[in-house]
Amino acid sequence: MQKQLRVITDSLESAQSRLRRLSDKISDKDWNKRPGPDRWSAAECVEHLNLTSKAYVPLLRDAVSRARKSSDPPRKHYRRDPLGWFMSMMIGPLRGLGKLRMPRIKTLPAFVPKAGRSRTEILSDFVRLQSELAALIRSGDGLPKTVVIADRGSPGGPTECAVKCLA
């Protein structure tokens, strides 16, 4: 498997075991407890990841399908386009570039978790979705890179989020 894809699939698989260890260590009260105002509980964070995965799995599946039909040669090394690089710097873990810092970005309503699902349901979905993402990435190994455009609505109107599919 291509090295960058292996790192991603390993990370997805590792996330499952890390989450299981976390879940086993904390009570239901702590699982659902928000650490502060405008902060999400562990349950809400995982549910947010599930909502995001549910939105992107079909897009990635379509991208892999399109890539299979492409006559472009496979890529030896994947890289982000300038927009992807800039966005990852601005909203990623560092949230900035040099002295330039981005404020927290409000989560789109479709990706805000709602209460009411059990820990078992949330964990089950997480494992299933992470496994599905890893399988999709593996199935794209050796295919040309594909661009996925996700049309995401927001109060200001639809926005396009360009996502590089590592397929």
Foldseek 3Di string as FASTA:
>chain_A
DQPVLVVLLVVLVVVLVVVVVVVVPDDPCQQQDAPDPPGGGVLQVLQLVLLVLVQCLVLLLVQLVVLVVDPDFADNDDDDDPVVVVVCCCAPPNNADVPGHHDHDDDAPSSGDDDDDDPVVSSVSSNVSSVSLSVSSVSSPRTHKGWGWDFDAHPVGTDIDIDTRND
